[in-house]
Amino acid sequence: MEEILESINIVREALTKLPNGDIKVKTRIVVPPAEAVSRVEAPRGELIHYARSNGLDKPERYKVRAPTLANLTALCKMLTGAYLADVPVILAGIDPCFSCMDRMQIVDIGKKEKKFWTLEDLRRYAKEWYQKR
């Protein structure tokens, strides 16, 4: 109960010290040409966001690398010599988020077209890409 009362006091103090001015402020729509990488420690590992702007109002490139993608590369070693009954426990050990990696969205700004790729689309593309190499 004391923590709740203290929280109320903190909120009241913050409100009294809030500076005057607009609460809602318009921001620039056009982002200057630049690129940025953000690496964050997420619950499943390193989460990476990459953004590149070409000076227009939409990003030129935006890529997210989910931690599960990096964790799955080690799965082959983890499963070596394991019994079938061990697979669920080993998978639970890396706590995979399959929804983080089973789809991809491609946005073609020139054609104003969006395409969602399923896991099957990604597999087909990967197979075709490796055959071309």
N, C-alpha and C. Protein backbone atom coordinates (compact mmCIF):
# COMPACT_ATOMS: atom_id res chain seq x y z
N MET A 1 0.82 -1.19 0.00
CA MET A 1 0.00 0.00 0.00
C MET A 1 0.88 1.27 0.00
N GLU A 2 1.98 1.20 0.74
CA GLU A 2 2.87 2.36 0.79
C GLU A 2 3.50 2.64 -0.58
N GLU A 3 3.78 1.58 -1.35
CA GLU A 3 4.34 1.78 -2.68
C GLU A 3 3.33 2.47 -3.59
N ILE A 4 2.07 2.12 -3.47
CA ILE A 4 1.03 2.75 -4.29
C ILE A 4 0.93 4.23 -3.94
N LEU A 5 0.92 4.55 -2.65
CA LEU A 5 0.85 5.95 -2.22
C LEU A 5 2.08 6.74 -2.71
N GLU A 6 3.25 6.10 -2.64
CA GLU A 6 4.47 6.77 -3.11
C GLU A 6 4.40 6.99 -4.63
N SER A 7 3.85 6.03 -5.37
CA SER A 7 3.68 6.19 -6.81
C SER A 7 2.76 7.36 -7.12
N ILE A 8 1.70 7.50 -6.38
CA ILE A 8 0.77 8.62 -6.57
C ILE A 8 1.49 9.94 -6.33
N ASN A 9 2.32 10.00 -5.28
CA ASN A 9 3.08 11.22 -4.98
C ASN A 9 4.06 11.55 -6.11
N ILE A 10 4.69 10.52 -6.67
CA ILE A 10 5.64 10.75 -7.78
C ILE A 10 4.91 11.30 -8.99
N VAL A 11 3.75 10.74 -9.32
CA VAL A 11 2.97 11.22 -10.46
C VAL A 11 2.52 12.66 -10.23
N ARG A 12 2.05 12.98 -9.03
CA ARG A 12 1.62 14.35 -8.73
C ARG A 12 2.78 15.33 -8.86
N GLU A 13 3.94 14.96 -8.34
CA GLU A 13 5.11 15.84 -8.45
C GLU A 13 5.51 16.04 -9.90
N ALA A 14 5.48 14.96 -10.70
CA ALA A 14 5.83 15.07 -12.11
C ALA A 14 4.86 16.00 -12.83
N LEU A 15 3.58 15.92 -12.52
CA LEU A 15 2.59 16.78 -13.16
C LEU A 15 2.79 18.25 -12.80
N THR A 16 3.17 18.53 -11.55
CA THR A 16 3.38 19.92 -11.16
C THR A 16 4.63 20.51 -11.81
N LYS A 17 5.62 19.67 -12.10
CA LYS A 17 6.87 20.14 -12.71
C LYS A 17 6.86 20.03 -14.23
N LEU A 18 5.75 19.63 -14.82
CA LEU A 18 5.64 19.50 -16.27
C LEU A 18 5.73 20.88 -16.90
N PRO A 19 6.62 21.09 -17.87
CA PRO A 19 6.76 22.43 -18.48
C PRO A 19 5.53 22.78 -19.32
N ASN A 20 5.28 24.08 -19.47
CA ASN A 20 4.18 24.54 -20.31
C ASN A 20 4.52 24.32 -21.78
N GLY A 21 3.49 24.16 -22.60
CA GLY A 21 3.70 24.00 -24.03
C GLY A 21 2.79 22.94 -24.61
N ASP A 22 2.93 22.78 -25.91
CA ASP A 22 2.10 21.79 -26.60
C ASP A 22 2.47 20.38 -26.16
N ILE A 23 1.44 19.57 -26.06
CA ILE A 23 1.66 18.16 -25.73
C ILE A 23 1.93 17.37 -27.01
N LYS A 24 1.19 17.71 -28.06
CA LYS A 24 1.33 17.03 -29.35
C LYS A 24 2.12 17.93 -30.29
N VAL A 25 3.24 17.41 -30.81
CA VAL A 25 4.10 18.20 -31.68
C VAL A 25 4.27 17.45 -32.99
N LYS A 26 4.16 18.17 -34.10
CA LYS A 26 4.37 17.56 -35.40
C LYS A 26 5.87 17.31 -35.60
N THR A 27 6.17 16.19 -36.19
CA THR A 27 7.56 15.86 -36.48
C THR A 27 7.81 15.94 -37.98
N ARG A 28 9.08 15.95 -38.35
CA ARG A 28 9.44 15.97 -39.76
C ARG A 28 9.00 14.66 -40.42
N ILE A 29 8.43 14.76 -41.58
CA ILE A 29 8.06 13.56 -42.32
C ILE A 29 9.26 13.03 -43.09
N VAL A 30 10.06 13.91 -43.65
CA VAL A 30 11.21 13.49 -44.43
C VAL A 30 12.39 13.25 -43.50
N VAL A 31 12.98 12.07 -43.65
CA VAL A 31 14.14 11.70 -42.84
C VAL A 31 15.39 11.93 -43.67
N PRO A 32 16.40 12.60 -43.13
CA PRO A 32 17.61 12.85 -43.93
C PRO A 32 18.29 11.53 -44.31
N PRO A 33 19.02 11.51 -45.43
CA PRO A 33 19.70 10.28 -45.84
C PRO A 33 20.69 9.84 -44.76
N ALA A 34 20.52 8.62 -44.32
CA ALA A 34 21.39 8.05 -43.29
C ALA A 34 21.07 6.58 -43.12
N GLU A 35 21.86 5.91 -42.30
CA GLU A 35 21.54 4.54 -41.94
C GLU A 35 21.85 4.33 -40.47
N ALA A 36 21.14 3.38 -39.88
CA ALA A 36 21.31 3.13 -38.45
C ALA A 36 21.13 1.64 -38.17
N VAL A 37 21.88 1.18 -37.19
CA VAL A 37 21.78 -0.20 -36.73
C VAL A 37 21.51 -0.16 -35.24
N SER A 38 20.54 -0.96 -34.82
CA SER A 38 20.22 -1.05 -33.40
C SER A 38 20.34 -2.49 -32.96
N ARG A 39 21.16 -2.72 -31.95
CA ARG A 39 21.33 -4.07 -31.40
C ARG A 39 20.83 -4.04 -29.97
N VAL A 40 19.89 -4.93 -29.68
CA VAL A 40 19.27 -4.96 -28.35
C VAL A 40 19.29 -6.38 -27.83
N GLU A 41 19.53 -6.53 -26.55
CA GLU A 41 19.47 -7.85 -25.93
C GLU A 41 18.01 -8.16 -25.63
N ALA A 42 17.43 -9.07 -26.39
CA ALA A 42 16.04 -9.48 -26.22
C ALA A 42 16.00 -10.75 -25.38
N PRO A 43 14.81 -11.19 -24.96
CA PRO A 43 14.73 -12.41 -24.14
C PRO A 43 15.34 -13.65 -24.79
N ARG A 44 15.32 -13.73 -26.11
CA ARG A 44 15.84 -14.92 -26.79
C ARG A 44 17.25 -14.70 -27.35
N GLY A 45 17.82 -13.53 -27.18
CA GLY A 45 19.15 -13.25 -27.71
C GLY A 45 19.21 -11.88 -28.35
N GLU A 46 20.19 -11.69 -29.22
CA GLU A 46 20.42 -10.39 -29.84
C GLU A 46 19.40 -10.11 -30.95
N LEU A 47 18.71 -8.99 -30.83
CA LEU A 47 17.73 -8.54 -31.82
C LEU A 47 18.36 -7.36 -32.56
N ILE A 48 18.39 -7.45 -33.90
CA ILE A 48 19.05 -6.42 -34.70
C ILE A 48 18.03 -5.77 -35.63
N HIS A 49 18.00 -4.44 -35.62
CA HIS A 49 17.19 -3.66 -36.55
C HIS A 49 18.14 -2.80 -37.38
N TYR A 50 17.94 -2.79 -38.69
CA TYR A 50 18.76 -1.98 -39.60
C TYR A 50 17.81 -1.12 -40.42
N ALA A 51 18.08 0.18 -40.50
CA ALA A 51 17.26 1.09 -41.29
C ALA A 51 18.17 1.97 -42.14
N ARG A 52 17.73 2.20 -43.39
CA ARG A 52 18.46 3.10 -44.28
C ARG A 52 17.46 4.03 -44.95
N SER A 53 17.76 5.32 -44.92
CA SER A 53 16.89 6.32 -45.52
C SER A 53 17.60 6.95 -46.71
N ASN A 54 16.82 7.25 -47.75
CA ASN A 54 17.39 7.92 -48.92
C ASN A 54 16.92 9.37 -49.01
N GLY A 55 16.38 9.90 -47.91
CA GLY A 55 15.96 11.29 -47.88
C GLY A 55 14.49 11.50 -48.21
N LEU A 56 13.77 10.42 -48.45
CA LEU A 56 12.33 10.53 -48.74
C LEU A 56 11.52 10.25 -47.48
N ASP A 57 10.21 10.18 -47.62
CA ASP A 57 9.35 9.98 -46.45
C ASP A 57 9.16 8.51 -46.09
N LYS A 58 9.75 7.59 -46.85
CA LYS A 58 9.66 6.16 -46.54
C LYS A 58 11.07 5.58 -46.50
N PRO A 59 11.30 4.58 -45.65
CA PRO A 59 12.65 4.01 -45.58
C PRO A 59 13.02 3.31 -46.88
N GLU A 60 14.29 3.41 -47.25
CA GLU A 60 14.77 2.71 -48.44
C GLU A 60 14.93 1.22 -48.13
N ARG A 61 15.38 0.92 -46.93
CA ARG A 61 15.54 -0.48 -46.50
C ARG A 61 15.34 -0.56 -45.01
N TYR A 62 14.67 -1.63 -44.58
CA TYR A 62 14.50 -1.90 -43.16
C TYR A 62 14.57 -3.40 -42.97
N LYS A 63 15.46 -3.85 -42.12
CA LYS A 63 15.66 -5.28 -41.93
C LYS A 63 15.70 -5.58 -40.44
N VAL A 64 15.06 -6.68 -40.07
CA VAL A 64 15.06 -7.13 -38.69
C VAL A 64 15.62 -8.55 -38.67
N ARG A 65 16.60 -8.78 -37.81
CA ARG A 65 17.10 -10.14 -37.61
C ARG A 65 16.70 -10.59 -36.21
N ALA A 66 15.74 -11.51 -36.18
CA ALA A 66 15.24 -12.01 -34.91
C ALA A 66 16.26 -12.95 -34.26
N PRO A 67 16.30 -13.01 -32.94
CA PRO A 67 17.26 -13.87 -32.25
C PRO A 67 17.11 -15.35 -32.60
N THR A 68 15.89 -15.80 -32.81
CA THR A 68 15.67 -17.22 -33.09
C THR A 68 16.41 -17.65 -34.34
N LEU A 69 16.52 -16.78 -35.32
CA LEU A 69 17.22 -17.13 -36.55
C LEU A 69 18.67 -17.51 -36.27
N ALA A 70 19.32 -16.76 -35.40
CA ALA A 70 20.70 -17.08 -35.04
C ALA A 70 20.77 -18.32 -34.15
N ASN A 71 19.78 -18.51 -33.29
CA ASN A 71 19.79 -19.65 -32.38
C ASN A 71 19.59 -20.97 -33.11
N LEU A 72 18.84 -20.96 -34.20
CA LEU A 72 18.54 -22.21 -34.90
C LEU A 72 19.77 -22.81 -35.58
N THR A 73 20.76 -21.97 -35.90
CA THR A 73 21.96 -22.53 -36.54
C THR A 73 22.69 -23.49 -35.60
N ALA A 74 22.58 -23.28 -34.31
CA ALA A 74 23.22 -24.15 -33.33
C ALA A 74 22.38 -25.39 -33.04
N LEU A 75 21.15 -25.41 -33.51
CA LEU A 75 20.24 -26.52 -33.21
C LEU A 75 20.74 -27.84 -33.75
N CYS A 76 21.37 -27.84 -34.91
CA CYS A 76 21.90 -29.09 -35.48
C CYS A 76 22.90 -29.75 -34.53
N LYS A 77 23.76 -28.94 -33.95
CA LYS A 77 24.74 -29.47 -32.98
C LYS A 77 24.04 -29.95 -31.71
N MET A 78 23.03 -29.21 -31.28
CA MET A 78 22.31 -29.58 -30.06
C MET A 78 21.59 -30.92 -30.21
N LEU A 79 21.09 -31.17 -31.41
CA LEU A 79 20.30 -32.38 -31.64
C LEU A 79 21.15 -33.59 -32.01
N THR A 80 22.43 -33.40 -32.27
CA THR A 80 23.30 -34.52 -32.63
C THR A 80 23.39 -35.51 -31.47
N GLY A 81 23.04 -36.76 -31.78
CA GLY A 81 23.10 -37.82 -30.77
C GLY A 81 21.92 -37.86 -29.82
N ALA A 82 20.96 -36.97 -29.99
CA ALA A 82 19.81 -36.94 -29.09
C ALA A 82 18.75 -37.93 -29.54
N TYR A 83 17.93 -38.34 -28.61
CA TYR A 83 16.80 -39.20 -28.92
C TYR A 83 15.62 -38.33 -29.35
N LEU A 84 14.69 -38.94 -30.05
CA LEU A 84 13.51 -38.21 -30.52
C LEU A 84 12.75 -37.58 -29.35
N ALA A 85 12.70 -38.28 -28.23
CA ALA A 85 11.99 -37.76 -27.06
C ALA A 85 12.69 -36.53 -26.46
N ASP A 86 13.97 -36.36 -26.78
CA ASP A 86 14.72 -35.20 -26.27
C ASP A 86 14.46 -33.92 -27.05
N VAL A 87 13.94 -34.04 -28.28
CA VAL A 87 13.78 -32.88 -29.16
C VAL A 87 12.94 -31.77 -28.53
N PRO A 88 11.76 -32.06 -27.95
CA PRO A 88 10.98 -30.96 -27.35
C PRO A 88 11.72 -30.23 -26.24
N VAL A 89 12.47 -30.97 -25.44
CA VAL A 89 13.20 -30.34 -24.33
C VAL A 89 14.34 -29.48 -24.86
N ILE A 90 15.03 -29.97 -25.89
CA ILE A 90 16.13 -29.21 -26.48
C ILE A 90 15.59 -27.94 -27.14
N LEU A 91 14.48 -28.07 -27.86
CA LEU A 91 13.85 -26.89 -28.47
C LEU A 91 13.42 -25.88 -27.42
N ALA A 92 12.84 -26.38 -26.34
CA ALA A 92 12.40 -25.48 -25.26
C ALA A 92 13.59 -24.74 -24.64
N GLY A 93 14.76 -25.36 -24.70
CA GLY A 93 15.96 -24.74 -24.14
C GLY A 93 16.35 -23.45 -24.85
N ILE A 94 16.09 -23.35 -26.14
CA ILE A 94 16.41 -22.11 -26.86
C ILE A 94 15.16 -21.24 -27.01
N ASP A 95 14.02 -21.74 -26.58
CA ASP A 95 12.76 -20.97 -26.59
C ASP A 95 12.54 -20.28 -27.94
N PRO A 96 12.41 -21.08 -29.02
CA PRO A 96 12.31 -20.45 -30.34
C PRO A 96 10.98 -19.73 -30.55
N CYS A 97 11.03 -18.72 -31.35
CA CYS A 97 9.83 -17.99 -31.76
C CYS A 97 9.73 -18.17 -33.27
N PHE A 98 9.04 -19.21 -33.69
CA PHE A 98 8.99 -19.54 -35.11
C PHE A 98 8.24 -18.48 -35.91
N SER A 99 7.33 -17.77 -35.27
CA SER A 99 6.62 -16.72 -36.00
C SER A 99 7.55 -15.56 -36.35
N CYS A 100 8.69 -15.47 -35.69
CA CYS A 100 9.66 -14.42 -36.01
C CYS A 100 10.37 -14.69 -37.33
N MET A 101 10.35 -15.94 -37.80
CA MET A 101 11.14 -16.27 -38.97
C MET A 101 10.38 -16.95 -40.09
N ASP A 102 9.11 -17.20 -39.95
CA ASP A 102 8.43 -17.97 -40.99
C ASP A 102 7.74 -17.11 -42.04
N ARG A 103 8.02 -15.83 -42.06
CA ARG A 103 7.39 -14.99 -43.07
C ARG A 103 8.31 -13.81 -43.39
N MET A 104 8.01 -13.17 -44.49
CA MET A 104 8.76 -12.00 -44.90
C MET A 104 7.82 -11.13 -45.72
N GLN A 105 7.97 -9.83 -45.61
CA GLN A 105 7.14 -8.91 -46.40
C GLN A 105 8.04 -8.11 -47.31
N ILE A 106 7.67 -8.06 -48.58
CA ILE A 106 8.41 -7.28 -49.56
C ILE A 106 7.50 -6.14 -49.99
N VAL A 107 8.01 -4.92 -49.91
CA VAL A 107 7.24 -3.75 -50.31
C VAL A 107 7.97 -3.10 -51.47
N ASP A 108 7.32 -3.03 -52.62
CA ASP A 108 7.88 -2.37 -53.79
C ASP A 108 7.23 -0.99 -53.87
N ILE A 109 7.98 0.05 -53.47
CA ILE A 109 7.42 1.40 -53.43
C ILE A 109 7.06 1.89 -54.83
N GLY A 110 7.86 1.53 -55.82
CA GLY A 110 7.59 1.96 -57.18
C GLY A 110 6.25 1.45 -57.70
N LYS A 111 5.94 0.19 -57.40
CA LYS A 111 4.68 -0.41 -57.86
C LYS A 111 3.56 -0.27 -56.82
N LYS A 112 3.92 0.26 -55.64
CA LYS A 112 2.97 0.37 -54.52
C LYS A 112 2.31 -0.98 -54.26
N GLU A 113 3.15 -1.98 -54.14
CA GLU A 113 2.68 -3.35 -54.01
C GLU A 113 3.32 -4.00 -52.79
N LYS A 114 2.52 -4.78 -52.05
CA LYS A 114 3.04 -5.52 -50.91
C LYS A 114 2.84 -7.01 -51.17
N LYS A 115 3.83 -7.80 -50.82
CA LYS A 115 3.71 -9.24 -50.95
C LYS A 115 4.19 -9.88 -49.67
N PHE A 116 3.37 -10.76 -49.11
CA PHE A 116 3.74 -11.49 -47.90
C PHE A 116 4.24 -12.87 -48.30
N TRP A 117 5.39 -13.24 -47.81
CA TRP A 117 5.95 -14.56 -48.11
C TRP A 117 5.70 -15.48 -46.93
N THR A 118 5.24 -16.67 -47.22
CA THR A 118 5.07 -17.69 -46.19
C THR A 118 6.37 -18.49 -46.09
N LEU A 119 6.40 -19.43 -45.16
CA LEU A 119 7.57 -20.28 -45.01
C LEU A 119 7.81 -21.07 -46.29
N GLU A 120 6.76 -21.54 -46.92
CA GLU A 120 6.92 -22.28 -48.18
C GLU A 120 7.50 -21.40 -49.29
N ASP A 121 7.04 -20.13 -49.35
CA ASP A 121 7.60 -19.19 -50.34
C ASP A 121 9.10 -18.99 -50.11
N LEU A 122 9.49 -18.84 -48.85
CA LEU A 122 10.91 -18.65 -48.52
C LEU A 122 11.73 -19.88 -48.88
N ARG A 123 11.19 -21.07 -48.60
CA ARG A 123 11.90 -22.31 -48.95
C ARG A 123 12.07 -22.43 -50.47
N ARG A 124 11.01 -22.14 -51.21
CA ARG A 124 11.07 -22.22 -52.67
C ARG A 124 12.11 -21.23 -53.20
N TYR A 125 12.08 -20.00 -52.69
CA TYR A 125 13.03 -18.98 -53.13
C TYR A 125 14.46 -19.41 -52.81
N ALA A 126 14.69 -19.93 -51.59
CA ALA A 126 16.03 -20.37 -51.19
C ALA A 126 16.53 -21.48 -52.09
N LYS A 127 15.65 -22.43 -52.40
CA LYS A 127 16.04 -23.55 -53.27
C LYS A 127 16.42 -23.03 -54.66
N GLU A 128 15.60 -22.15 -55.21
CA GLU A 128 15.89 -21.58 -56.53
C GLU A 128 17.18 -20.76 -56.52
N TRP A 129 17.39 -19.99 -55.45
CA TRP A 129 18.57 -19.14 -55.34
C TRP A 129 19.84 -19.99 -55.29
N TYR A 130 19.83 -21.06 -54.48
CA TYR A 130 21.01 -21.91 -54.37
C TYR A 130 21.28 -22.71 -55.64
N GLN A 131 20.23 -23.06 -56.37
CA GLN A 131 20.41 -23.77 -57.64
C GLN A 131 21.06 -22.88 -58.68
N LYS A 132 20.79 -21.59 -58.63
CA LYS A 132 21.39 -20.64 -59.58
C LYS A 132 22.88 -20.45 -59.32
N ARG A 133 23.31 -20.66 -58.07
CA ARG A 133 24.72 -20.45 -57.71
C ARG A 133 25.53 -21.52 -58.28
